[in-house]
Amino acid sequence: MSFAKKHCVPCEGGVMPLFRTKAEEYLKEVPGWSLSPDAKRITKTFKFKNFKEALAFANRVGGVAEAEGHHPDMLVGWGKVGITLTTHAIGGLSENDFILAAKIDEL
């Protein structure tokens, strides 16, 4: 099943973050996202014509994040939105990060 069709599962900690090998495998399912050197985050920058479009996109991301109960770090600037995903409760990546990445890519 593709990540975009799944839903995030609440994570309160107590589970291990994904190992680099699993994160690299999952990364193949979300083209354009990059794995951090420590394998604890994935990031992607989205480009737009202007600030208004970037802000509108960030707001759509916020809606998806709220619906999934999993929230990215976002940096909104003129013509771009940088998104970083990690599961703070476990100090690294979980499947939720890839699910949300796939859903963001569908916006």
PDB file of N, CA and C in Angstrom:
ATOM      1  N   MET A   1       0.859  -1.180   0.000  1.00  0.00           N
ATOM      2  CA  MET A   1       0.000   0.000   0.000  1.00  0.00           C
ATOM      3  C   MET A   1       0.901   1.238   0.000  1.00  0.00           C
ATOM      4  N   SER A   2       0.538   2.220  -0.816  1.00  0.00           N
ATOM      5  CA  SER A   2       1.354   3.432  -0.880  1.00  0.00           C
ATOM      6  C   SER A   2       1.184   4.238   0.402  1.00  0.00           C
ATOM      7  N   PHE A   3       2.219   4.978   0.740  1.00  0.00           N
ATOM      8  CA  PHE A   3       2.187   5.802   1.945  1.00  0.00           C
ATOM      9  C   PHE A   3       1.032   6.799   1.916  1.00  0.00           C
ATOM     10  N   ALA A   4       0.710   7.330   0.756  1.00  0.00           N
ATOM     11  CA  ALA A   4      -0.337   8.343   0.649  1.00  0.00           C
ATOM     12  C   ALA A   4      -1.718   7.800   1.043  1.00  0.00           C
ATOM     13  N   LYS A   5      -1.894   6.496   0.959  1.00  0.00           N
ATOM     14  CA  LYS A   5      -3.183   5.891   1.299  1.00  0.00           C
ATOM     15  C   LYS A   5      -3.270   5.484   2.771  1.00  0.00           C
ATOM     16  N   LYS A   6      -2.146   5.543   3.463  1.00  0.00           N
ATOM     17  CA  LYS A   6      -2.121   5.184   4.883  1.00  0.00           C
ATOM     18  C   LYS A   6      -2.439   6.404   5.735  1.00  0.00           C
ATOM     19  N   HIS A   7      -2.631   6.157   7.031  1.00  0.00           N
ATOM     20  CA  HIS A   7      -2.849   7.244   7.981  1.00  0.00           C
ATOM     21  C   HIS A   7      -1.827   7.145   9.095  1.00  0.00           C
ATOM     22  N   CYS A   8      -1.433   8.296   9.606  1.00  0.00           N
ATOM     23  CA  CYS A   8      -0.471   8.346  10.698  1.00  0.00           C
ATOM     24  C   CYS A   8      -1.079   7.717  11.952  1.00  0.00           C
ATOM     25  N   VAL A   9      -0.220   7.056  12.711  1.00  0.00           N
ATOM     26  CA  VAL A   9      -0.614   6.421  13.960  1.00  0.00           C
ATOM     27  C   VAL A   9       0.027   7.224  15.092  1.00  0.00           C
ATOM     28  N   PRO A  10      -0.743   7.593  16.108  1.00  0.00           N
ATOM     29  CA  PRO A  10      -0.170   8.372  17.206  1.00  0.00           C
ATOM     30  C   PRO A  10       1.069   7.691  17.795  1.00  0.00           C
ATOM     31  N   CYS A  11       2.091   8.478  18.058  1.00  0.00           N
ATOM     32  CA  CYS A  11       3.344   7.957  18.602  1.00  0.00           C
ATOM     33  C   CYS A  11       3.663   8.714  19.883  1.00  0.00           C
ATOM     34  N   GLU A  12       3.674   8.008  20.977  1.00  0.00           N
ATOM     35  CA  GLU A  12       3.979   8.625  22.270  1.00  0.00           C
ATOM     36  C   GLU A  12       5.391   8.281  22.725  1.00  0.00           C
ATOM     37  N   GLY A  13       6.167   7.686  21.856  1.00  0.00           N
ATOM     38  CA  GLY A  13       7.512   7.260  22.235  1.00  0.00           C
ATOM     39  C   GLY A  13       7.504   5.778  22.582  1.00  0.00           C
ATOM     40  N   GLY A  14       8.625   5.308  23.096  1.00  0.00           N
ATOM     41  CA  GLY A  14       8.723   3.909  23.487  1.00  0.00           C
ATOM     42  C   GLY A  14       9.007   2.963  22.337  1.00  0.00           C
ATOM     43  N   VAL A  15       9.158   3.489  21.127  1.00  0.00           N
ATOM     44  CA  VAL A  15       9.547   2.667  19.979  1.00  0.00           C
ATOM     45  C   VAL A  15      10.828   3.230  19.387  1.00  0.00           C
ATOM     46  N   MET A  16      11.543   2.391  18.713  1.00  0.00           N
ATOM     47  CA  MET A  16      12.795   2.817  18.103  1.00  0.00           C
ATOM     48  C   MET A  16      12.536   3.584  16.805  1.00  0.00           C
ATOM     49  N   PRO A  17      13.335   4.617  16.545  1.00  0.00           N
ATOM     50  CA  PRO A  17      13.242   5.259  15.231  1.00  0.00           C
ATOM     51  C   PRO A  17      13.719   4.287  14.148  1.00  0.00           C
ATOM     52  N   LEU A  18      13.361   4.593  12.923  1.00  0.00           N
ATOM     53  CA  LEU A  18      13.784   3.749  11.806  1.00  0.00           C
ATOM     54  C   LEU A  18      15.307   3.737  11.686  1.00  0.00           C
ATOM     55  N   PHE A  19      15.848   2.585  11.354  1.00  0.00           N
ATOM     56  CA  PHE A  19      17.264   2.500  11.030  1.00  0.00           C
ATOM     57  C   PHE A  19      17.490   3.122   9.660  1.00  0.00           C
ATOM     58  N   ARG A  20      18.707   3.568   9.402  1.00  0.00           N
ATOM     59  CA  ARG A  20      19.044   4.214   8.130  1.00  0.00           C
ATOM     60  C   ARG A  20      18.612   3.362   6.939  1.00  0.00           C
ATOM     61  N   THR A  21      18.854   2.065   6.984  1.00  0.00           N
ATOM     62  CA  THR A  21      18.525   1.213   5.833  1.00  0.00           C
ATOM     63  C   THR A  21      17.028   1.237   5.527  1.00  0.00           C
ATOM     64  N   LYS A  22      16.189   1.207   6.560  1.00  0.00           N
ATOM     65  CA  LYS A  22      14.737   1.252   6.353  1.00  0.00           C
ATOM     66  C   LYS A  22      14.323   2.637   5.857  1.00  0.00           C
ATOM     67  N   ALA A  23      14.930   3.689   6.426  1.00  0.00           N
ATOM     68  CA  ALA A  23      14.620   5.059   5.990  1.00  0.00           C
ATOM     69  C   ALA A  23      14.989   5.239   4.516  1.00  0.00           C
ATOM     70  N   GLU A  24      16.120   4.702   4.098  1.00  0.00           N
ATOM     71  CA  GLU A  24      16.535   4.799   2.698  1.00  0.00           C
ATOM     72  C   GLU A  24      15.575   4.032   1.790  1.00  0.00           C
ATOM     73  N   GLU A  25      15.071   2.911   2.265  1.00  0.00           N
ATOM     74  CA  GLU A  25      14.084   2.136   1.499  1.00  0.00           C
ATOM     75  C   GLU A  25      12.788   2.937   1.347  1.00  0.00           C
ATOM     76  N   TYR A  26      12.301   3.506   2.444  1.00  0.00           N
ATOM     77  CA  TYR A  26      11.080   4.299   2.416  1.00  0.00           C
ATOM     78  C   TYR A  26      11.243   5.558   1.568  1.00  0.00           C
ATOM     79  N   LEU A  27      12.441   6.119   1.566  1.00  0.00           N
ATOM     80  CA  LEU A  27      12.713   7.348   0.828  1.00  0.00           C
ATOM     81  C   LEU A  27      12.447   7.176  -0.675  1.00  0.00           C
ATOM     82  N   LYS A  28      12.618   5.981  -1.173  1.00  0.00           N
ATOM     83  CA  LYS A  28      12.365   5.704  -2.590  1.00  0.00           C
ATOM     84  C   LYS A  28      10.901   5.932  -2.958  1.00  0.00           C
ATOM     85  N   GLU A  29      10.014   5.877  -1.958  1.00  0.00           N
ATOM     86  CA  GLU A  29       8.587   6.048  -2.191  1.00  0.00           C
ATOM     87  C   GLU A  29       8.144   7.513  -2.176  1.00  0.00           C
ATOM     88  N   VAL A  30       9.041   8.418  -1.793  1.00  0.00           N
ATOM     89  CA  VAL A  30       8.710   9.848  -1.725  1.00  0.00           C
ATOM     90  C   VAL A  30       9.793  10.647  -2.466  1.00  0.00           C
ATOM     91  N   PRO A  31       9.739  10.631  -3.797  1.00  0.00           N
ATOM     92  CA  PRO A  31      10.768  11.288  -4.608  1.00  0.00           C
ATOM     93  C   PRO A  31      10.938  12.766  -4.258  1.00  0.00           C
ATOM     94  N   GLY A  32      12.194  13.193  -4.252  1.00  0.00           N
ATOM     95  CA  GLY A  32      12.501  14.599  -4.002  1.00  0.00           C
ATOM     96  C   GLY A  32      12.781  14.919  -2.551  1.00  0.00           C
ATOM     97  N   TRP A  33      12.455  14.009  -1.653  1.00  0.00           N
ATOM     98  CA  TRP A  33      12.756  14.203  -0.236  1.00  0.00           C
ATOM     99  C   TRP A  33      14.184  13.727   0.013  1.00  0.00           C
ATOM    100  N   SER A  34      14.855  14.384   0.955  1.00  0.00           N
ATOM    101  CA  SER A  34      16.247  14.054   1.270  1.00  0.00           C
ATOM    102  C   SER A  34      16.369  13.595   2.712  1.00  0.00           C
ATOM    103  N   LEU A  35      17.210  12.621   2.925  1.00  0.00           N
ATOM    104  CA  LEU A  35      17.491  12.105   4.257  1.00  0.00           C
ATOM    105  C   LEU A  35      18.643  12.888   4.864  1.00  0.00           C
ATOM    106  N   SER A  36      18.498  13.311   6.103  1.00  0.00           N
ATOM    107  CA  SER A  36      19.571  14.050   6.773  1.00  0.00           C
ATOM    108  C   SER A  36      20.763  13.120   7.003  1.00  0.00           C
ATOM    109  N   PRO A  37      21.962  13.689   7.157  1.00  0.00           N
ATOM    110  CA  PRO A  37      23.151  12.852   7.375  1.00  0.00           C
ATOM    111  C   PRO A  37      23.038  11.910   8.574  1.00  0.00           C
ATOM    112  N   ASP A  38      22.320  12.331   9.616  1.00  0.00           N
ATOM    113  CA  ASP A  38      22.155  11.474  10.795  1.00  0.00           C
ATOM    114  C   ASP A  38      20.945  10.551  10.681  1.00  0.00           C
ATOM    115  N   ALA A  39      20.240  10.597   9.557  1.00  0.00           N
ATOM    116  CA  ALA A  39      19.065   9.749   9.273  1.00  0.00           C
ATOM    117  C   ALA A  39      17.927   9.950  10.269  1.00  0.00           C
ATOM    118  N   LYS A  40      17.825  11.165  10.827  1.00  0.00           N
ATOM    119  CA  LYS A  40      16.766  11.448  11.795  1.00  0.00           C
ATOM    120  C   LYS A  40      15.662  12.332  11.236  1.00  0.00           C
ATOM    121  N   ARG A  41      15.855  12.852  10.007  1.00  0.00           N
ATOM    122  CA  ARG A  41      14.889  13.770   9.408  1.00  0.00           C
ATOM    123  C   ARG A  41      14.865  13.577   7.894  1.00  0.00           C
ATOM    124  N   ILE A  42      13.720  13.931   7.303  1.00  0.00           N
ATOM    125  CA  ILE A  42      13.657  14.073   5.852  1.00  0.00           C
ATOM    126  C   ILE A  42      13.208  15.498   5.555  1.00  0.00           C
ATOM    127  N   THR A  43      13.707  16.038   4.448  1.00  0.00           N
ATOM    128  CA  THR A  43      13.410  17.423   4.091  1.00  0.00           C
ATOM    129  C   THR A  43      13.125  17.551   2.600  1.00  0.00           C
ATOM    130  N   LYS A  44      12.370  18.603   2.287  1.00  0.00           N
ATOM    131  CA  LYS A  44      12.110  18.931   0.889  1.00  0.00           C
ATOM    132  C   LYS A  44      11.741  20.402   0.816  1.00  0.00           C
ATOM    133  N   THR A  45      12.178  21.061  -0.240  1.00  0.00           N
ATOM    134  CA  THR A  45      11.815  22.453  -0.483  1.00  0.00           C
ATOM    135  C   THR A  45      10.922  22.516  -1.710  1.00  0.00           C
ATOM    136  N   PHE A  46       9.785  23.167  -1.538  1.00  0.00           N
ATOM    137  CA  PHE A  46       8.815  23.349  -2.614  1.00  0.00           C
ATOM    138  C   PHE A  46       8.920  24.781  -3.124  1.00  0.00           C
ATOM    139  N   LYS A  47       8.912  24.969  -4.440  1.00  0.00           N
ATOM    140  CA  LYS A  47       9.073  26.291  -5.068  1.00  0.00           C
ATOM    141  C   LYS A  47       7.741  26.808  -5.600  1.00  0.00           C
ATOM    142  N   PHE A  48       7.557  28.131  -5.487  1.00  0.00           N
ATOM    143  CA  PHE A  48       6.335  28.790  -5.948  1.00  0.00           C
ATOM    144  C   PHE A  48       6.669  30.104  -6.634  1.00  0.00           C
ATOM    145  N   LYS A  49       5.670  30.686  -7.298  1.00  0.00           N
ATOM    146  CA  LYS A  49       5.880  31.945  -8.025  1.00  0.00           C
ATOM    147  C   LYS A  49       6.064  33.137  -7.104  1.00  0.00           C
ATOM    148  N   ASN A  50       5.472  33.073  -5.901  1.00  0.00           N
ATOM    149  CA  ASN A  50       5.524  34.231  -5.008  1.00  0.00           C
ATOM    150  C   ASN A  50       5.221  33.797  -3.577  1.00  0.00           C
ATOM    151  N   PHE A  51       5.229  34.758  -2.681  1.00  0.00           N
ATOM    152  CA  PHE A  51       4.980  34.471  -1.271  1.00  0.00           C
ATOM    153  C   PHE A  51       3.550  33.998  -1.030  1.00  0.00           C
ATOM    154  N   LYS A  52       2.605  34.611  -1.722  1.00  0.00           N
ATOM    155  CA  LYS A  52       1.190  34.256  -1.524  1.00  0.00           C
ATOM    156  C   LYS A  52       0.943  32.779  -1.815  1.00  0.00           C
ATOM    157  N   GLU A  53       1.509  32.270  -2.911  1.00  0.00           N
ATOM    158  CA  GLU A  53       1.350  30.857  -3.259  1.00  0.00           C
ATOM    159  C   GLU A  53       2.052  29.961  -2.239  1.00  0.00           C
ATOM    160  N   ALA A  54       3.221  30.387  -1.787  1.00  0.00           N
ATOM    161  CA  ALA A  54       3.954  29.608  -0.788  1.00  0.00           C
ATOM    162  C   ALA A  54       3.153  29.519   0.513  1.00  0.00           C
ATOM    163  N   LEU A  55       2.604  30.632   0.931  1.00  0.00           N
ATOM    164  CA  LEU A  55       1.823  30.662   2.161  1.00  0.00           C
ATOM    165  C   LEU A  55       0.557  29.809   2.039  1.00  0.00           C
ATOM    166  N   ALA A  56      -0.092  29.874   0.896  1.00  0.00           N
ATOM    167  CA  ALA A  56      -1.295  29.059   0.675  1.00  0.00           C
ATOM    168  C   ALA A  56      -0.951  27.566   0.756  1.00  0.00           C
ATOM    169  N   PHE A  57       0.182  27.193   0.174  1.00  0.00           N
ATOM    170  CA  PHE A  57       0.624  25.797   0.236  1.00  0.00           C
ATOM    171  C   PHE A  57       0.900  25.395   1.686  1.00  0.00           C
ATOM    172  N   ALA A  58       1.589  26.255   2.417  1.00  0.00           N
ATOM    173  CA  ALA A  58       1.892  25.958   3.819  1.00  0.00           C
ATOM    174  C   ALA A  58       0.601  25.751   4.615  1.00  0.00           C
ATOM    175  N   ASN A  59      -0.409  26.531   4.324  1.00  0.00           N
ATOM    176  CA  ASN A  59      -1.689  26.363   5.006  1.00  0.00           C
ATOM    177  C   ASN A  59      -2.362  25.038   4.641  1.00  0.00           C
ATOM    178  N   ARG A  60      -2.227  24.618   3.380  1.00  0.00           N
ATOM    179  CA  ARG A  60      -2.779  23.312   2.976  1.00  0.00           C
ATOM    180  C   ARG A  60      -2.024  22.182   3.679  1.00  0.00           C
ATOM    181  N   VAL A  61      -0.703  22.332   3.793  1.00  0.00           N
ATOM    182  CA  VAL A  61       0.095  21.346   4.528  1.00  0.00           C
ATOM    183  C   VAL A  61      -0.392  21.278   5.974  1.00  0.00           C
ATOM    184  N   GLY A  62      -0.659  22.443   6.560  1.00  0.00           N
ATOM    185  CA  GLY A  62      -1.154  22.488   7.931  1.00  0.00           C
ATOM    186  C   GLY A  62      -2.455  21.727   8.095  1.00  0.00           C
ATOM    187  N   GLY A  63      -3.338  21.823   7.118  1.00  0.00           N
ATOM    188  CA  GLY A  63      -4.600  21.090   7.176  1.00  0.00           C
ATOM    189  C   GLY A  63      -4.394  19.589   7.158  1.00  0.00           C
ATOM    190  N   VAL A  64      -3.502  19.127   6.297  1.00  0.00           N
ATOM    191  CA  VAL A  64      -3.195  17.692   6.225  1.00  0.00           C
ATOM    192  C   VAL A  64      -2.540  17.243   7.533  1.00  0.00           C
ATOM    193  N   ALA A  65      -1.624  18.054   8.033  1.00  0.00           N
ATOM    194  CA  ALA A  65      -0.924  17.710   9.275  1.00  0.00           C
ATOM    195  C   ALA A  65      -1.902  17.583  10.437  1.00  0.00           C
ATOM    196  N   GLU A  66      -2.837  18.503  10.522  1.00  0.00           N
ATOM    197  CA  GLU A  66      -3.841  18.444  11.587  1.00  0.00           C
ATOM    198  C   GLU A  66      -4.704  17.195  11.446  1.00  0.00           C
ATOM    199  N   ALA A  67      -5.108  16.888  10.226  1.00  0.00           N
ATOM    200  CA  ALA A  67      -5.946  15.713   9.995  1.00  0.00           C
ATOM    201  C   ALA A  67      -5.211  14.426  10.373  1.00  0.00           C
ATOM    202  N   GLU A  68      -3.902  14.397  10.154  1.00  0.00           N
ATOM    203  CA  GLU A  68      -3.109  13.200  10.439  1.00  0.00           C
ATOM    204  C   GLU A  68      -2.555  13.182  11.863  1.00  0.00           C
ATOM    205  N   GLY A  69      -2.590  14.314  12.555  1.00  0.00           N
ATOM    206  CA  GLY A  69      -2.040  14.378  13.903  1.00  0.00           C
ATOM    207  C   GLY A  69      -0.529  14.255  13.933  1.00  0.00           C
ATOM    208  N   HIS A  70       0.116  14.669  12.852  1.00  0.00           N
ATOM    209  CA  HIS A  70       1.577  14.608  12.735  1.00  0.00           C
ATOM    210  C   HIS A  70       2.025  15.903  12.065  1.00  0.00           C
ATOM    211  N   HIS A  71       2.904  16.637  12.709  1.00  0.00           N
ATOM    212  CA  HIS A  71       3.161  18.017  12.298  1.00  0.00           C
ATOM    213  C   HIS A  71       4.601  18.256  11.867  1.00  0.00           C
ATOM    214  N   PRO A  72       4.789  18.855  10.687  1.00  0.00           N
ATOM    215  CA  PRO A  72       6.133  19.150  10.185  1.00  0.00           C
ATOM    216  C   PRO A  72       6.655  20.469  10.750  1.00  0.00           C
ATOM    217  N   ASP A  73       7.943  20.662  10.620  1.00  0.00           N
ATOM    218  CA  ASP A  73       8.534  21.978  10.800  1.00  0.00           C
ATOM    219  C   ASP A  73       8.555  22.598   9.413  1.00  0.00           C
ATOM    220  N   MET A  74       8.095  23.850   9.306  1.00  0.00           N
ATOM    221  CA  MET A  74       8.047  24.522   8.009  1.00  0.00           C
ATOM    222  C   MET A  74       8.730  25.870   8.089  1.00  0.00           C
ATOM    223  N   LEU A  75       9.406  26.211   7.016  1.00  0.00           N
ATOM    224  CA  LEU A  75      10.009  27.524   6.862  1.00  0.00           C
ATOM    225  C   LEU A  75       9.433  28.124   5.581  1.00  0.00           C
ATOM    226  N   VAL A  76       8.634  29.170   5.742  1.00  0.00           N
ATOM    227  CA  VAL A  76       7.981  29.811   4.605  1.00  0.00           C
ATOM    228  C   VAL A  76       8.761  31.062   4.239  1.00  0.00           C
ATOM    229  N   GLY A  77       9.111  31.181   2.974  1.00  0.00           N
ATOM    230  CA  GLY A  77       9.810  32.357   2.472  1.00  0.00           C
ATOM    231  C   GLY A  77       9.225  32.772   1.135  1.00  0.00           C
ATOM    232  N   TRP A  78       9.758  33.809   0.556  1.00  0.00           N
ATOM    233  CA  TRP A  78       9.280  34.281  -0.736  1.00  0.00           C
ATOM    234  C   TRP A  78       9.527  33.186  -1.772  1.00  0.00           C
ATOM    235  N   GLY A  79       8.438  32.626  -2.289  1.00  0.00           N
ATOM    236  CA  GLY A  79       8.524  31.640  -3.361  1.00  0.00           C
ATOM    237  C   GLY A  79       8.976  30.257  -2.944  1.00  0.00           C
ATOM    238  N   LYS A  80       9.003  29.967  -1.645  1.00  0.00           N
ATOM    239  CA  LYS A  80       9.432  28.626  -1.253  1.00  0.00           C
ATOM    240  C   LYS A  80       8.895  28.257   0.126  1.00  0.00           C
ATOM    241  N   VAL A  81       8.741  26.943   0.316  1.00  0.00           N
ATOM    242  CA  VAL A  81       8.388  26.378   1.613  1.00  0.00           C
ATOM    243  C   VAL A  81       9.323  25.201   1.854  1.00  0.00           C
ATOM    244  N   GLY A  82      10.097  25.283   2.905  1.00  0.00           N
ATOM    245  CA  GLY A  82      10.960  24.182   3.309  1.00  0.00           C
ATOM    246  C   GLY A  82      10.234  23.365   4.373  1.00  0.00           C
ATOM    247  N   ILE A  83      10.220  22.063   4.205  1.00  0.00           N
ATOM    248  CA  ILE A  83       9.533  21.187   5.149  1.00  0.00           C
ATOM    249  C   ILE A  83      10.518  20.159   5.685  1.00  0.00           C
ATOM    250  N   THR A  84      10.496  20.000   6.999  1.00  0.00           N
ATOM    251  CA  THR A  84      11.292  18.982   7.674  1.00  0.00           C
ATOM    252  C   THR A  84      10.350  18.092   8.462  1.00  0.00           C
ATOM    253  N   LEU A  85      10.519  16.795   8.291  1.00  0.00           N
ATOM    254  CA  LEU A  85       9.703  15.822   9.007  1.00  0.00           C
ATOM    255  C   LEU A  85      10.584  14.941   9.887  1.00  0.00           C
ATOM    256  N   THR A  86      10.156  14.760  11.112  1.00  0.00           N
ATOM    257  CA  THR A  86      10.778  13.856  12.068  1.00  0.00           C
ATOM    258  C   THR A  86       9.721  13.518  13.099  1.00  0.00           C
ATOM    259  N   THR A  87       9.913  12.455  13.832  1.00  0.00           N
ATOM    260  CA  THR A  87       8.989  12.108  14.907  1.00  0.00           C
ATOM    261  C   THR A  87       9.676  12.467  16.217  1.00  0.00           C
ATOM    262  N   HIS A  88       9.314  13.613  16.750  1.00  0.00           N
ATOM    263  CA  HIS A  88       9.991  14.158  17.931  1.00  0.00           C
ATOM    264  C   HIS A  88       9.939  13.197  19.117  1.00  0.00           C
ATOM    265  N   ALA A  89       8.828  12.488  19.288  1.00  0.00           N
ATOM    266  CA  ALA A  89       8.650  11.607  20.451  1.00  0.00           C
ATOM    267  C   ALA A  89       9.680  10.491  20.515  1.00  0.00           C
ATOM    268  N   ILE A  90      10.249  10.129  19.348  1.00  0.00           N
ATOM    269  CA  ILE A  90      11.242   9.042  19.340  1.00  0.00           C
ATOM    270  C   ILE A  90      12.621   9.527  18.902  1.00  0.00           C
ATOM    271  N   GLY A  91      12.736  10.809  18.622  1.00  0.00           N
ATOM    272  CA  GLY A  91      14.039  11.358  18.261  1.00  0.00           C
ATOM    273  C   GLY A  91      14.571  10.882  16.925  1.00  0.00           C
ATOM    274  N   GLY A  92      13.675  10.613  15.992  1.00  0.00           N
ATOM    275  CA  GLY A  92      14.101  10.148  14.674  1.00  0.00           C
ATOM    276  C   GLY A  92      12.908   9.931  13.777  1.00  0.00           C
ATOM    277  N   LEU A  93      13.100   9.136  12.754  1.00  0.00           N
ATOM    278  CA  LEU A  93      12.055   8.909  11.759  1.00  0.00           C
ATOM    279  C   LEU A  93      11.167   7.723  12.103  1.00  0.00           C
ATOM    280  N   SER A  94       9.896   7.873  11.760  1.00  0.00           N
ATOM    281  CA  SER A  94       8.936   6.771  11.850  1.00  0.00           C
ATOM    282  C   SER A  94       8.206   6.701  10.514  1.00  0.00           C
ATOM    283  N   GLU A  95       7.404   5.682  10.343  1.00  0.00           N
ATOM    284  CA  GLU A  95       6.612   5.563   9.114  1.00  0.00           C
ATOM    285  C   GLU A  95       5.722   6.795   8.928  1.00  0.00           C
ATOM    286  N   ASN A  96       5.255   7.388  10.030  1.00  0.00           N
ATOM    287  CA  ASN A  96       4.411   8.580   9.958  1.00  0.00           C
ATOM    288  C   ASN A  96       5.043   9.688   9.121  1.00  0.00           C
ATOM    289  N   ASP A  97       6.350   9.849   9.222  1.00  0.00           N
ATOM    290  CA  ASP A  97       7.022  10.914   8.470  1.00  0.00           C
ATOM    291  C   ASP A  97       6.899  10.691   6.970  1.00  0.00           C
ATOM    292  N   PHE A  98       6.975   9.454   6.546  1.00  0.00           N
ATOM    293  CA  PHE A  98       6.874   9.133   5.125  1.00  0.00           C
ATOM    294  C   PHE A  98       5.424   9.182   4.647  1.00  0.00           C
ATOM    295  N   ILE A  99       4.510   8.832   5.524  1.00  0.00           N
ATOM    296  CA  ILE A  99       3.081   8.959   5.198  1.00  0.00           C
ATOM    297  C   ILE A  99       2.751  10.430   4.958  1.00  0.00           C
ATOM    298  N   LEU A 100       3.180  11.293   5.883  1.00  0.00           N
ATOM    299  CA  LEU A 100       2.882  12.719   5.727  1.00  0.00           C
ATOM    300  C   LEU A 100       3.597  13.297   4.513  1.00  0.00           C
ATOM    301  N   ALA A 101       4.834  12.885   4.243  1.00  0.00           N
ATOM    302  CA  ALA A 101       5.555  13.347   3.058  1.00  0.00           C
ATOM    303  C   ALA A 101       4.771  13.010   1.796  1.00  0.00           C
ATOM    304  N   ALA A 102       4.260  11.799   1.699  1.00  0.00           N
ATOM    305  CA  ALA A 102       3.502  11.373   0.517  1.00  0.00           C
ATOM    306  C   ALA A 102       2.216  12.183   0.379  1.00  0.00           C
ATOM    307  N   LYS A 103       1.562  12.442   1.484  1.00  0.00           N
ATOM    308  CA  LYS A 103       0.336  13.236   1.434  1.00  0.00           C
ATOM    309  C   LYS A 103       0.626  14.691   1.039  1.00  0.00           C
ATOM    310  N   ILE A 104       1.725  15.230   1.510  1.00  0.00           N
ATOM    311  CA  ILE A 104       2.130  16.589   1.124  1.00  0.00           C
ATOM    312  C   ILE A 104       2.414  16.640  -0.376  1.00  0.00           C
ATOM    313  N   ASP A 105       3.074  15.619  -0.875  1.00  0.00           N
ATOM    314  CA  ASP A 105       3.377  15.580  -2.310  1.00  0.00           C
ATOM    315  C   ASP A 105       2.123  15.565  -3.175  1.00  0.00           C
ATOM    316  N   GLU A 106       1.016  15.104  -2.640  1.00  0.00           N
ATOM    317  CA  GLU A 106      -0.228  15.044  -3.409  1.00  0.00           C
ATOM    318  C   GLU A 106      -0.957  16.390  -3.464  1.00  0.00           C
ATOM    319  N   LEU A 107      -0.532  17.369  -2.644  1.00  0.00           N
ATOM    320  CA  LEU A 107      -1.226  18.666  -2.624  1.00  0.00           C
ATOM    321  C   LEU A 107      -1.028  19.427  -3.922  1.00  0.00           C
TER     322      LEU A 107
END
